[in-house]
Amino acid sequence: QRIQDRLCELIRSRPPALNPAAAVRGFVLEGVDGIRDIPPELW
């Protein structure tokens, strides 16, 4: 739910020249990169 809320916020507040996919790109890729920070015992 927190992820969904953030995605919707990014889409709604994006600059006019940015489409929805471009608006969420950084957040999504940060999330993928954040997988590295999950402790192996919790993975």
PDB file of all heavy atoms in Angstrom:
ATOM      1  N   GLN A   1       0.839  -1.204   0.000  1.00  0.00           N
ATOM      2  CA  GLN A   1       0.000   0.000   0.000  1.00  0.00           C
ATOM      3  C   GLN A   1       0.873   1.252   0.000  1.00  0.00           C
ATOM      4  O   GLN A   1       0.587   2.224  -0.709  1.00  0.00           O
ATOM      5  CB  GLN A   1      -0.937   0.015   1.212  1.00  0.00           C
ATOM      6  CG  GLN A   1      -1.883   1.201   1.214  1.00  0.00           C
ATOM      7  CD  GLN A   1      -2.852   1.189   0.034  1.00  0.00           C
ATOM      8  OE1 GLN A   1      -3.508   0.193  -0.221  1.00  0.00           O
ATOM      9  NE2 GLN A   1      -2.941   2.292  -0.692  1.00  0.00           N
ATOM     10  N   ARG A   2       1.947   1.244   0.772  1.00  0.00           N
ATOM     11  CA  ARG A   2       2.862   2.395   0.786  1.00  0.00           C
ATOM     12  C   ARG A   2       3.499   2.590  -0.590  1.00  0.00           C
ATOM     13  O   ARG A   2       3.641   3.720  -1.058  1.00  0.00           O
ATOM     14  CB  ARG A   2       3.930   2.223   1.863  1.00  0.00           C
ATOM     15  CG  ARG A   2       3.385   2.369   3.279  1.00  0.00           C
ATOM     16  CD  ARG A   2       4.489   2.462   4.305  1.00  0.00           C
ATOM     17  NE  ARG A   2       5.494   1.427   4.177  1.00  0.00           N
ATOM     18  CZ  ARG A   2       5.575   0.341   4.941  1.00  0.00           C
ATOM     19  NH1 ARG A   2       4.714   0.141   5.897  1.00  0.00           N
ATOM     20  NH2 ARG A   2       6.536  -0.540   4.742  1.00  0.00           N
ATOM     21  N   ILE A   3       3.869   1.503  -1.233  1.00  0.00           N
ATOM     22  CA  ILE A   3       4.454   1.585  -2.582  1.00  0.00           C
ATOM     23  C   ILE A   3       3.423   2.137  -3.554  1.00  0.00           C
ATOM     24  O   ILE A   3       3.717   3.041  -4.335  1.00  0.00           O
ATOM     25  CB  ILE A   3       4.969   0.197  -3.034  1.00  0.00           C
ATOM     26  CG1 ILE A   3       6.202  -0.196  -2.210  1.00  0.00           C
ATOM     27  CG2 ILE A   3       5.281   0.190  -4.536  1.00  0.00           C
ATOM     28  CD1 ILE A   3       6.640  -1.640  -2.396  1.00  0.00           C
ATOM     29  N   GLN A   4       2.212   1.611  -3.499  1.00  0.00           N
ATOM     30  CA  GLN A   4       1.137   2.082  -4.387  1.00  0.00           C
ATOM     31  C   GLN A   4       0.872   3.563  -4.181  1.00  0.00           C
ATOM     32  O   GLN A   4       0.734   4.319  -5.154  1.00  0.00           O
ATOM     33  CB  GLN A   4      -0.125   1.274  -4.119  1.00  0.00           C
ATOM     34  CG  GLN A   4      -1.317   1.704  -4.940  1.00  0.00           C
ATOM     35  CD  GLN A   4      -2.523   0.854  -4.615  1.00  0.00           C
ATOM     36  OE1 GLN A   4      -2.500  -0.352  -4.815  1.00  0.00           O
ATOM     37  NE2 GLN A   4      -3.559   1.481  -4.095  1.00  0.00           N
ATOM     38  N   ASP A   5       0.803   3.999  -2.943  1.00  0.00           N
ATOM     39  CA  ASP A   5       0.555   5.416  -2.656  1.00  0.00           C
ATOM     40  C   ASP A   5       1.654   6.289  -3.254  1.00  0.00           C
ATOM     41  O   ASP A   5       1.382   7.342  -3.838  1.00  0.00           O
ATOM     42  CB  ASP A   5       0.460   5.662  -1.149  1.00  0.00           C
ATOM     43  CG  ASP A   5      -0.784   5.057  -0.524  1.00  0.00           C
ATOM     44  OD1 ASP A   5      -1.713   4.662  -1.258  1.00  0.00           O
ATOM     45  OD2 ASP A   5      -0.813   4.962   0.729  1.00  0.00           O
ATOM     46  N   ARG A   6       2.889   5.858  -3.122  1.00  0.00           N
ATOM     47  CA  ARG A   6       4.014   6.641  -3.657  1.00  0.00           C
ATOM     48  C   ARG A   6       3.963   6.684  -5.187  1.00  0.00           C
ATOM     49  O   ARG A   6       4.197   7.734  -5.793  1.00  0.00           O
ATOM     50  CB  ARG A   6       5.345   6.054  -3.180  1.00  0.00           C
ATOM     51  CG  ARG A   6       6.545   6.806  -3.665  1.00  0.00           C
ATOM     52  CD  ARG A   6       6.612   8.209  -3.063  1.00  0.00           C
ATOM     53  NE  ARG A   6       7.814   8.886  -3.549  1.00  0.00           N
ATOM     54  CZ  ARG A   6       7.837  10.128  -3.967  1.00  0.00           C
ATOM     55  NH1 ARG A   6       6.760  10.880  -3.922  1.00  0.00           N
ATOM     56  NH2 ARG A   6       8.943  10.656  -4.419  1.00  0.00           N
ATOM     57  N   LEU A   7       3.657   5.567  -5.823  1.00  0.00           N
ATOM     58  CA  LEU A   7       3.555   5.535  -7.285  1.00  0.00           C
ATOM     59  C   LEU A   7       2.473   6.498  -7.770  1.00  0.00           C
ATOM     60  O   LEU A   7       2.688   7.270  -8.714  1.00  0.00           O
ATOM     61  CB  LEU A   7       3.248   4.119  -7.776  1.00  0.00           C
ATOM     62  CG  LEU A   7       4.344   3.088  -7.596  1.00  0.00           C
ATOM     63  CD1 LEU A   7       3.809   1.689  -7.855  1.00  0.00           C
ATOM     64  CD2 LEU A   7       5.530   3.393  -8.492  1.00  0.00           C
ATOM     65  N   CYS A   8       1.320   6.473  -7.126  1.00  0.00           N
ATOM     66  CA  CYS A   8       0.217   7.363  -7.517  1.00  0.00           C
ATOM     67  C   CYS A   8       0.609   8.821  -7.311  1.00  0.00           C
ATOM     68  O   CYS A   8       0.306   9.674  -8.155  1.00  0.00           O
ATOM     69  CB  CYS A   8      -1.043   7.021  -6.734  1.00  0.00           C
ATOM     70  SG  CYS A   8      -1.786   5.448  -7.234  1.00  0.00           S
ATOM     71  N   GLU A   9       1.291   9.097  -6.232  1.00  0.00           N
ATOM     72  CA  GLU A   9       1.758  10.464  -5.967  1.00  0.00           C
ATOM     73  C   GLU A   9       2.736  10.924  -7.054  1.00  0.00           C
ATOM     74  O   GLU A   9       2.638  12.044  -7.557  1.00  0.00           O
ATOM     75  CB  GLU A   9       2.440  10.503  -4.598  1.00  0.00           C
ATOM     76  CG  GLU A   9       3.047  11.830  -4.226  1.00  0.00           C
ATOM     77  CD  GLU A   9       3.840  11.712  -2.919  1.00  0.00           C
ATOM     78  OE1 GLU A   9       3.389  11.007  -1.998  1.00  0.00           O
ATOM     79  OE2 GLU A   9       4.913  12.331  -2.845  1.00  0.00           O
ATOM     80  N   LEU A  10       3.662  10.043  -7.433  1.00  0.00           N
ATOM     81  CA  LEU A  10       4.627  10.392  -8.484  1.00  0.00           C
ATOM     82  C   LEU A  10       3.934  10.651  -9.816  1.00  0.00           C
ATOM     83  O   LEU A  10       4.310  11.564 -10.555  1.00  0.00           O
ATOM     84  CB  LEU A  10       5.676   9.287  -8.641  1.00  0.00           C
ATOM     85  CG  LEU A  10       6.676   9.153  -7.511  1.00  0.00           C
ATOM     86  CD1 LEU A  10       7.450   7.837  -7.626  1.00  0.00           C
ATOM     87  CD2 LEU A  10       7.632  10.343  -7.501  1.00  0.00           C
ATOM     88  N   ILE A  11       2.925   9.865 -10.128  1.00  0.00           N
ATOM     89  CA  ILE A  11       2.194  10.035 -11.388  1.00  0.00           C
ATOM     90  C   ILE A  11       1.404  11.337 -11.375  1.00  0.00           C
ATOM     91  O   ILE A  11       1.439  12.112 -12.326  1.00  0.00           O
ATOM     92  CB  ILE A  11       1.277   8.819 -11.654  1.00  0.00           C
ATOM     93  CG1 ILE A  11       2.135   7.594 -11.990  1.00  0.00           C
ATOM     94  CG2 ILE A  11       0.284   9.125 -12.776  1.00  0.00           C
ATOM     95  CD1 ILE A  11       1.385   6.279 -12.003  1.00  0.00           C
ATOM     96  N   ARG A  12       0.699  11.589 -10.288  1.00  0.00           N
ATOM     97  CA  ARG A  12      -0.142  12.790 -10.218  1.00  0.00           C
ATOM     98  C   ARG A  12       0.668  14.085 -10.164  1.00  0.00           C
ATOM     99  O   ARG A  12       0.211  15.110 -10.648  1.00  0.00           O
ATOM    100  CB  ARG A  12      -1.067  12.709  -9.006  1.00  0.00           C
ATOM    101  CG  ARG A  12      -2.210  11.756  -9.196  1.00  0.00           C
ATOM    102  CD  ARG A  12      -3.220  11.812  -8.052  1.00  0.00           C
ATOM    103  NE  ARG A  12      -4.366  10.977  -8.358  1.00  0.00           N
ATOM    104  CZ  ARG A  12      -4.604   9.810  -7.772  1.00  0.00           C
ATOM    105  NH1 ARG A  12      -3.801   9.339  -6.830  1.00  0.00           N
ATOM    106  NH2 ARG A  12      -5.663   9.113  -8.117  1.00  0.00           N
ATOM    107  N   SER A  13       1.857  14.051  -9.592  1.00  0.00           N
ATOM    108  CA  SER A  13       2.641  15.278  -9.411  1.00  0.00           C
ATOM    109  C   SER A  13       3.737  15.457 -10.460  1.00  0.00           C
ATOM    110  O   SER A  13       4.526  16.382 -10.362  1.00  0.00           O
ATOM    111  CB  SER A  13       3.267  15.291  -8.012  1.00  0.00           C
ATOM    112  OG  SER A  13       4.227  14.256  -7.895  1.00  0.00           O
ATOM    113  N   ARG A  14       3.738  14.614 -11.470  1.00  0.00           N
ATOM    114  CA  ARG A  14       4.804  14.692 -12.467  1.00  0.00           C
ATOM    115  C   ARG A  14       4.676  15.950 -13.322  1.00  0.00           C
ATOM    116  O   ARG A  14       3.572  16.475 -13.507  1.00  0.00           O
ATOM    117  CB  ARG A  14       4.803  13.444 -13.337  1.00  0.00           C
ATOM    118  CG  ARG A  14       3.668  13.378 -14.334  1.00  0.00           C
ATOM    119  CD  ARG A  14       3.605  12.016 -15.031  1.00  0.00           C
ATOM    120  NE  ARG A  14       2.681  12.026 -16.130  1.00  0.00           N
ATOM    121  CZ  ARG A  14       1.371  11.859 -15.999  1.00  0.00           C
ATOM    122  NH1 ARG A  14       0.828  11.673 -14.833  1.00  0.00           N
ATOM    123  NH2 ARG A  14       0.605  11.876 -17.076  1.00  0.00           N
ATOM    124  N   PRO A  15       5.794  16.412 -13.864  1.00  0.00           N
ATOM    125  CA  PRO A  15       5.739  17.545 -14.800  1.00  0.00           C
ATOM    126  C   PRO A  15       4.950  17.144 -16.052  1.00  0.00           C
ATOM    127  O   PRO A  15       4.922  15.967 -16.422  1.00  0.00           O
ATOM    128  CB  PRO A  15       7.208  17.790 -15.158  1.00  0.00           C
ATOM    129  CG  PRO A  15       8.005  17.075 -14.136  1.00  0.00           C
ATOM    130  CD  PRO A  15       7.153  15.957 -13.611  1.00  0.00           C
ATOM    131  N   PRO A  16       4.339  18.112 -16.727  1.00  0.00           N
ATOM    132  CA  PRO A  16       3.509  17.802 -17.902  1.00  0.00           C
ATOM    133  C   PRO A  16       4.239  17.024 -19.002  1.00  0.00           C
ATOM    134  O   PRO A  16       3.611  16.223 -19.688  1.00  0.00           O
ATOM    135  CB  PRO A  16       3.082  19.183 -18.410  1.00  0.00           C
ATOM    136  CG  PRO A  16       3.193  20.067 -17.222  1.00  0.00           C
ATOM    137  CD  PRO A  16       4.308  19.526 -16.387  1.00  0.00           C
ATOM    138  N   ALA A  17       5.519  17.224 -19.164  1.00  0.00           N
ATOM    139  CA  ALA A  17       6.244  16.553 -20.243  1.00  0.00           C
ATOM    140  C   ALA A  17       6.634  15.117 -19.905  1.00  0.00           C
ATOM    141  O   ALA A  17       7.165  14.409 -20.747  1.00  0.00           O
ATOM    142  CB  ALA A  17       7.492  17.353 -20.609  1.00  0.00           C
ATOM    143  N   LEU A  18       6.365  14.671 -18.697  1.00  0.00           N
ATOM    144  CA  LEU A  18       6.782  13.339 -18.260  1.00  0.00           C
ATOM    145  C   LEU A  18       5.586  12.392 -18.285  1.00  0.00           C
ATOM    146  O   LEU A  18       4.537  12.688 -17.709  1.00  0.00           O
ATOM    147  CB  LEU A  18       7.318  13.459 -16.832  1.00  0.00           C
ATOM    148  CG  LEU A  18       8.408  12.512 -16.379  1.00  0.00           C
ATOM    149  CD1 LEU A  18       9.624  12.592 -17.284  1.00  0.00           C
ATOM    150  CD2 LEU A  18       8.800  12.845 -14.944  1.00  0.00           C
ATOM    151  N   ASN A  19       5.734  11.252 -18.935  1.00  0.00           N
ATOM    152  CA  ASN A  19       4.641  10.286 -18.946  1.00  0.00           C
ATOM    153  C   ASN A  19       4.691   9.447 -17.662  1.00  0.00           C
ATOM    154  O   ASN A  19       5.674   9.496 -16.922  1.00  0.00           O
ATOM    155  CB  ASN A  19       4.673   9.432 -20.223  1.00  0.00           C
ATOM    156  CG  ASN A  19       5.861   8.497 -20.265  1.00  0.00           C
ATOM    157  OD1 ASN A  19       6.071   7.698 -19.360  1.00  0.00           O
ATOM    158  ND2 ASN A  19       6.649   8.593 -21.329  1.00  0.00           N
ATOM    159  N   PRO A  20       3.636   8.678 -17.363  1.00  0.00           N
ATOM    160  CA  PRO A  20       3.584   7.923 -16.101  1.00  0.00           C
ATOM    161  C   PRO A  20       4.747   6.944 -15.904  1.00  0.00           C
ATOM    162  O   PRO A  20       5.256   6.810 -14.789  1.00  0.00           O
ATOM    163  CB  PRO A  20       2.253   7.180 -16.184  1.00  0.00           C
ATOM    164  CG  PRO A  20       1.403   8.062 -17.047  1.00  0.00           C
ATOM    165  CD  PRO A  20       2.352   8.627 -18.071  1.00  0.00           C
ATOM    166  N   ALA A  21       5.171   6.266 -16.954  1.00  0.00           N
ATOM    167  CA  ALA A  21       6.279   5.311 -16.808  1.00  0.00           C
ATOM    168  C   ALA A  21       7.564   6.035 -16.443  1.00  0.00           C
ATOM    169  O   ALA A  21       8.319   5.583 -15.577  1.00  0.00           O
ATOM    170  CB  ALA A  21       6.458   4.507 -18.096  1.00  0.00           C
ATOM    171  N   ALA A  22       7.807   7.155 -17.091  1.00  0.00           N
ATOM    172  CA  ALA A  22       9.013   7.931 -16.784  1.00  0.00           C
ATOM    173  C   ALA A  22       8.942   8.506 -15.371  1.00  0.00           C
ATOM    174  O   ALA A  22       9.959   8.595 -14.676  1.00  0.00           O
ATOM    175  CB  ALA A  22       9.180   9.049 -17.814  1.00  0.00           C
ATOM    176  N   ALA A  23       7.746   8.864 -14.929  1.00  0.00           N
ATOM    177  CA  ALA A  23       7.573   9.462 -13.607  1.00  0.00           C
ATOM    178  C   ALA A  23       7.925   8.500 -12.475  1.00  0.00           C
ATOM    179  O   ALA A  23       8.423   8.919 -11.438  1.00  0.00           O
ATOM    180  CB  ALA A  23       6.141   9.955 -13.437  1.00  0.00           C
ATOM    181  N   VAL A  24       7.675   7.209 -12.657  1.00  0.00           N
ATOM    182  CA  VAL A  24       7.924   6.236 -11.583  1.00  0.00           C
ATOM    183  C   VAL A  24       9.266   5.515 -11.721  1.00  0.00           C
ATOM    184  O   VAL A  24       9.665   4.779 -10.835  1.00  0.00           O
ATOM    185  CB  VAL A  24       6.779   5.200 -11.484  1.00  0.00           C
ATOM    186  CG1 VAL A  24       5.441   5.888 -11.256  1.00  0.00           C
ATOM    187  CG2 VAL A  24       6.722   4.290 -12.694  1.00  0.00           C
ATOM    188  N   ARG A  25       9.947   5.733 -12.819  1.00  0.00           N
ATOM    189  CA  ARG A  25      11.183   5.011 -13.138  1.00  0.00           C
ATOM    190  C   ARG A  25      12.207   5.011 -11.998  1.00  0.00           C
ATOM    191  O   ARG A  25      12.680   3.961 -11.583  1.00  0.00           O
ATOM    192  CB  ARG A  25      11.810   5.600 -14.398  1.00  0.00           C
ATOM    193  CG  ARG A  25      13.082   4.927 -14.810  1.00  0.00           C
ATOM    194  CD  ARG A  25      13.735   5.669 -16.000  1.00  0.00           C
ATOM    195  NE  ARG A  25      14.701   4.813 -16.596  1.00  0.00           N
ATOM    196  CZ  ARG A  25      14.443   3.912 -17.541  1.00  0.00           C
ATOM    197  NH1 ARG A  25      13.232   3.781 -18.016  1.00  0.00           N
ATOM    198  NH2 ARG A  25      15.396   3.144 -18.011  1.00  0.00           N
ATOM    199  N   GLY A  26      12.572   6.169 -11.510  1.00  0.00           N
ATOM    200  CA  GLY A  26      13.590   6.253 -10.466  1.00  0.00           C
ATOM    201  C   GLY A  26      13.187   5.500  -9.207  1.00  0.00           C
ATOM    202  O   GLY A  26      13.987   4.771  -8.619  1.00  0.00           O
ATOM    203  N   PHE A  27      11.941   5.665  -8.803  1.00  0.00           N
ATOM    204  CA  PHE A  27      11.436   4.989  -7.604  1.00  0.00           C
ATOM    205  C   PHE A  27      11.479   3.473  -7.775  1.00  0.00           C
ATOM    206  O   PHE A  27      11.901   2.749  -6.870  1.00  0.00           O
ATOM    207  CB  PHE A  27      10.013   5.463  -7.311  1.00  0.00           C
ATOM    208  CG  PHE A  27       9.369   4.772  -6.149  1.00  0.00           C
ATOM    209  CD1 PHE A  27       9.765   5.058  -4.847  1.00  0.00           C
ATOM    210  CD2 PHE A  27       8.358   3.836  -6.343  1.00  0.00           C
ATOM    211  CE1 PHE A  27       9.167   4.424  -3.765  1.00  0.00           C
ATOM    212  CE2 PHE A  27       7.756   3.202  -5.278  1.00  0.00           C
ATOM    213  CZ  PHE A  27       8.158   3.491  -3.976  1.00  0.00           C
ATOM    214  N   VAL A  28      11.054   2.987  -8.928  1.00  0.00           N
ATOM    215  CA  VAL A  28      11.024   1.544  -9.177  1.00  0.00           C
ATOM    216  C   VAL A  28      12.449   0.979  -9.184  1.00  0.00           C
ATOM    217  O   VAL A  28      12.726  -0.044  -8.535  1.00  0.00           O
ATOM    218  CB  VAL A  28      10.293   1.222 -10.497  1.00  0.00           C
ATOM    219  CG1 VAL A  28      10.405  -0.251 -10.844  1.00  0.00           C
ATOM    220  CG2 VAL A  28       8.825   1.636 -10.411  1.00  0.00           C
ATOM    221  N   LEU A  29      13.350   1.632  -9.885  1.00  0.00           N
ATOM    222  CA  LEU A  29      14.728   1.137  -9.946  1.00  0.00           C
ATOM    223  C   LEU A  29      15.427   1.226  -8.586  1.00  0.00           C
ATOM    224  O   LEU A  29      16.219   0.344  -8.241  1.00  0.00           O
ATOM    225  CB  LEU A  29      15.515   1.870 -11.030  1.00  0.00           C
ATOM    226  CG  LEU A  29      15.081   1.524 -12.457  1.00  0.00           C
ATOM    227  CD1 LEU A  29      15.768   2.430 -13.467  1.00  0.00           C
ATOM    228  CD2 LEU A  29      15.332   0.058 -12.773  1.00  0.00           C
ATOM    229  N   GLU A  30      15.115   2.256  -7.814  1.00  0.00           N
ATOM    230  CA  GLU A  30      15.634   2.335  -6.444  1.00  0.00           C
ATOM    231  C   GLU A  30      15.166   1.138  -5.630  1.00  0.00           C
ATOM    232  O   GLU A  30      15.920   0.580  -4.832  1.00  0.00           O
ATOM    233  CB  GLU A  30      15.137   3.604  -5.755  1.00  0.00           C
ATOM    234  CG  GLU A  30      16.064   4.765  -5.799  1.00  0.00           C
ATOM    235  CD  GLU A  30      15.444   5.965  -5.073  1.00  0.00           C
ATOM    236  OE1 GLU A  30      14.817   5.789  -3.987  1.00  0.00           O
ATOM    237  OE2 GLU A  30      15.581   7.078  -5.607  1.00  0.00           O
ATOM    238  N   GLY A  31      13.913   0.773  -5.799  1.00  0.00           N
ATOM    239  CA  GLY A  31      13.367  -0.384  -5.093  1.00  0.00           C
ATOM    240  C   GLY A  31      14.075  -1.666  -5.472  1.00  0.00           C
ATOM    241  O   GLY A  31      14.391  -2.494  -4.616  1.00  0.00           O
ATOM    242  N   VAL A  32      14.342  -1.838  -6.765  1.00  0.00           N
ATOM    243  CA  VAL A  32      15.073  -3.022  -7.216  1.00  0.00           C
ATOM    244  C   VAL A  32      16.480  -3.015  -6.618  1.00  0.00           C
ATOM    245  O   VAL A  32      16.944  -4.030  -6.089  1.00  0.00           O
ATOM    246  CB  VAL A  32      15.120  -3.088  -8.763  1.00  0.00           C
ATOM    247  CG1 VAL A  32      16.097  -4.154  -9.243  1.00  0.00           C
ATOM    248  CG2 VAL A  32      13.728  -3.346  -9.321  1.00  0.00           C
ATOM    249  N   ASP A  33      17.150  -1.884  -6.676  1.00  0.00           N
ATOM    250  CA  ASP A  33      18.496  -1.795  -6.115  1.00  0.00           C
ATOM    251  C   ASP A  33      18.479  -2.009  -4.604  1.00  0.00           C
ATOM    252  O   ASP A  33      19.439  -2.549  -4.034  1.00  0.00           O
ATOM    253  CB  ASP A  33      19.134  -0.449  -6.454  1.00  0.00           C
ATOM    254  CG  ASP A  33      19.435  -0.313  -7.940  1.00  0.00           C
ATOM    255  OD1 ASP A  33      19.520  -1.350  -8.647  1.00  0.00           O
ATOM    256  OD2 ASP A  33      19.583   0.838  -8.402  1.00  0.00           O
ATOM    257  N   GLY A  34      17.398  -1.615  -3.944  1.00  0.00           N
ATOM    258  CA  GLY A  34      17.274  -1.781  -2.501  1.00  0.00           C
ATOM    259  C   GLY A  34      17.201  -3.226  -2.054  1.00  0.00           C
ATOM    260  O   GLY A  34      17.396  -3.530  -0.870  1.00  0.00           O
ATOM    261  N   ILE A  35      16.932  -4.125  -2.984  1.00  0.00           N
ATOM    262  CA  ILE A  35      16.929  -5.554  -2.659  1.00  0.00           C
ATOM    263  C   ILE A  35      18.279  -5.950  -2.062  1.00  0.00           C
ATOM    264  O   ILE A  35      18.346  -6.785  -1.162  1.00  0.00           O
ATOM    265  CB  ILE A  35      16.586  -6.406  -3.906  1.00  0.00           C
ATOM    266  CG1 ILE A  35      15.127  -6.183  -4.302  1.00  0.00           C
ATOM    267  CG2 ILE A  35      16.873  -7.876  -3.671  1.00  0.00           C
ATOM    268  CD1 ILE A  35      14.733  -6.801  -5.637  1.00  0.00           C
ATOM    269  N   ARG A  36      19.348  -5.322  -2.531  1.00  0.00           N
ATOM    270  CA  ARG A  36      20.697  -5.621  -2.027  1.00  0.00           C
ATOM    271  C   ARG A  36      20.805  -5.419  -0.518  1.00  0.00           C
ATOM    272  O   ARG A  36      21.626  -6.048   0.130  1.00  0.00           O
ATOM    273  CB  ARG A  36      21.717  -4.710  -2.695  1.00  0.00           C
ATOM    274  CG  ARG A  36      21.965  -4.985  -4.124  1.00  0.00           C
ATOM    275  CD  ARG A  36      23.037  -4.012  -4.661  1.00  0.00           C
ATOM    276  NE  ARG A  36      23.455  -4.396  -5.978  1.00  0.00           N
ATOM    277  CZ  ARG A  36      22.970  -3.874  -7.100  1.00  0.00           C
ATOM    278  NH1 ARG A  36      22.047  -2.933  -7.046  1.00  0.00           N
ATOM    279  NH2 ARG A  36      23.398  -4.289  -8.261  1.00  0.00           N
ATOM    280  N   ASP A  37      20.004  -4.510   0.032  1.00  0.00           N
ATOM    281  CA  ASP A  37      20.093  -4.165   1.452  1.00  0.00           C
ATOM    282  C   ASP A  37      19.299  -5.094   2.362  1.00  0.00           C
ATOM    283  O   ASP A  37      19.347  -4.938   3.581  1.00  0.00           O
ATOM    284  CB  ASP A  37      19.610  -2.722   1.659  1.00  0.00           C
ATOM    285  CG  ASP A  37      20.449  -1.716   0.886  1.00  0.00           C
ATOM    286  OD1 ASP A  37      21.655  -1.971   0.667  1.00  0.00           O
ATOM    287  OD2 ASP A  37      19.889  -0.679   0.482  1.00  0.00           O
ATOM    288  N   ILE A  38      18.564  -6.021   1.787  1.00  0.00           N
ATOM    289  CA  ILE A  38      17.787  -6.947   2.612  1.00  0.00           C
ATOM    290  C   ILE A  38      18.750  -7.982   3.186  1.00  0.00           C
ATOM    291  O   ILE A  38      19.447  -8.663   2.435  1.00  0.00           O
ATOM    292  CB  ILE A  38      16.672  -7.628   1.791  1.00  0.00           C
ATOM    293  CG1 ILE A  38      15.695  -6.573   1.257  1.00  0.00           C
ATOM    294  CG2 ILE A  38      15.938  -8.673   2.635  1.00  0.00           C
ATOM    295  CD1 ILE A  38      14.678  -7.107   0.262  1.00  0.00           C
ATOM    296  N   PRO A  39      18.793  -8.100   4.507  1.00  0.00           N
ATOM    297  CA  PRO A  39      19.694  -9.080   5.116  1.00  0.00           C
ATOM    298  C   PRO A  39      19.380 -10.494   4.619  1.00  0.00           C
ATOM    299  O   PRO A  39      18.195 -10.862   4.508  1.00  0.00           O
ATOM    300  CB  PRO A  39      19.419  -8.952   6.612  1.00  0.00           C
ATOM    301  CG  PRO A  39      18.799  -7.604   6.783  1.00  0.00           C
ATOM    302  CD  PRO A  39      18.051  -7.333   5.507  1.00  0.00           C
ATOM    303  N   PRO A  40      20.410 -11.258   4.301  1.00  0.00           N
ATOM    304  CA  PRO A  40      20.186 -12.616   3.782  1.00  0.00           C
ATOM    305  C   PRO A  40      19.287 -13.471   4.666  1.00  0.00           C
ATOM    306  O   PRO A  40      18.496 -14.261   4.160  1.00  0.00           O
ATOM    307  CB  PRO A  40      21.604 -13.205   3.705  1.00  0.00           C
ATOM    308  CG  PRO A  40      22.500 -12.011   3.587  1.00  0.00           C
ATOM    309  CD  PRO A  40      21.827 -10.916   4.363  1.00  0.00           C
ATOM    310  N   GLU A  41      19.354 -13.270   5.975  1.00  0.00           N
ATOM    311  CA  GLU A  41      18.518 -14.082   6.879  1.00  0.00           C
ATOM    312  C   GLU A  41      17.035 -13.720   6.772  1.00  0.00           C
ATOM    313  O   GLU A  41      16.174 -14.501   7.160  1.00  0.00           O
ATOM    314  CB  GLU A  41      19.009 -13.995   8.327  1.00  0.00           C
ATOM    315  CG  GLU A  41      18.918 -12.618   8.943  1.00  0.00           C
ATOM    316  CD  GLU A  41      20.127 -11.716   8.680  1.00  0.00           C
ATOM    317  OE1 GLU A  41      20.980 -12.038   7.820  1.00  0.00           O
ATOM    318  OE2 GLU A  41      20.197 -10.662   9.325  1.00  0.00           O
ATOM    319  N   LEU A  42      16.721 -12.552   6.216  1.00  0.00           N
ATOM    320  CA  LEU A  42      15.323 -12.152   6.018  1.00  0.00           C
ATOM    321  C   LEU A  42      14.850 -12.367   4.586  1.00  0.00           C
ATOM    322  O   LEU A  42      13.659 -12.275   4.295  1.00  0.00           O
ATOM    323  CB  LEU A  42      15.137 -10.671   6.386  1.00  0.00           C
ATOM    324  CG  LEU A  42      15.428 -10.273   7.822  1.00  0.00           C
ATOM    325  CD1 LEU A  42      15.235  -8.773   7.999  1.00  0.00           C
ATOM    326  CD2 LEU A  42      14.554 -11.052   8.785  1.00  0.00           C
ATOM    327  N   TRP A  43      15.781 -12.616   3.676  1.00  0.00           N
ATOM    328  CA  TRP A  43      15.481 -12.669   2.254  1.00  0.00           C
ATOM    329  C   TRP A  43      14.394 -13.676   1.904  1.00  0.00           C
ATOM    330  O   TRP A  43      13.505 -13.406   1.106  1.00  0.00           O
ATOM    331  CB  TRP A  43      16.766 -12.944   1.472  1.00  0.00           C
ATOM    332  CG  TRP A  43      16.593 -13.001  -0.003  1.00  0.00           C
ATOM    333  CD1 TRP A  43      17.017 -14.009  -0.814  1.00  0.00           C
ATOM    334  CD2 TRP A  43      16.002 -12.023  -0.867  1.00  0.00           C
ATOM    335  NE1 TRP A  43      16.705 -13.717  -2.123  1.00  0.00           N
ATOM    336  CE2 TRP A  43      16.080 -12.504  -2.183  1.00  0.00           C
ATOM    337  CE3 TRP A  43      15.401 -10.801  -0.653  1.00  0.00           C
ATOM    338  CZ2 TRP A  43      15.588 -11.813  -3.272  1.00  0.00           C
ATOM    339  CZ3 TRP A  43      14.906 -10.102  -1.733  1.00  0.00           C
ATOM    340  CH2 TRP A  43      15.016 -10.606  -3.026  1.00  0.00           C
TER     341      TRP A  43
END
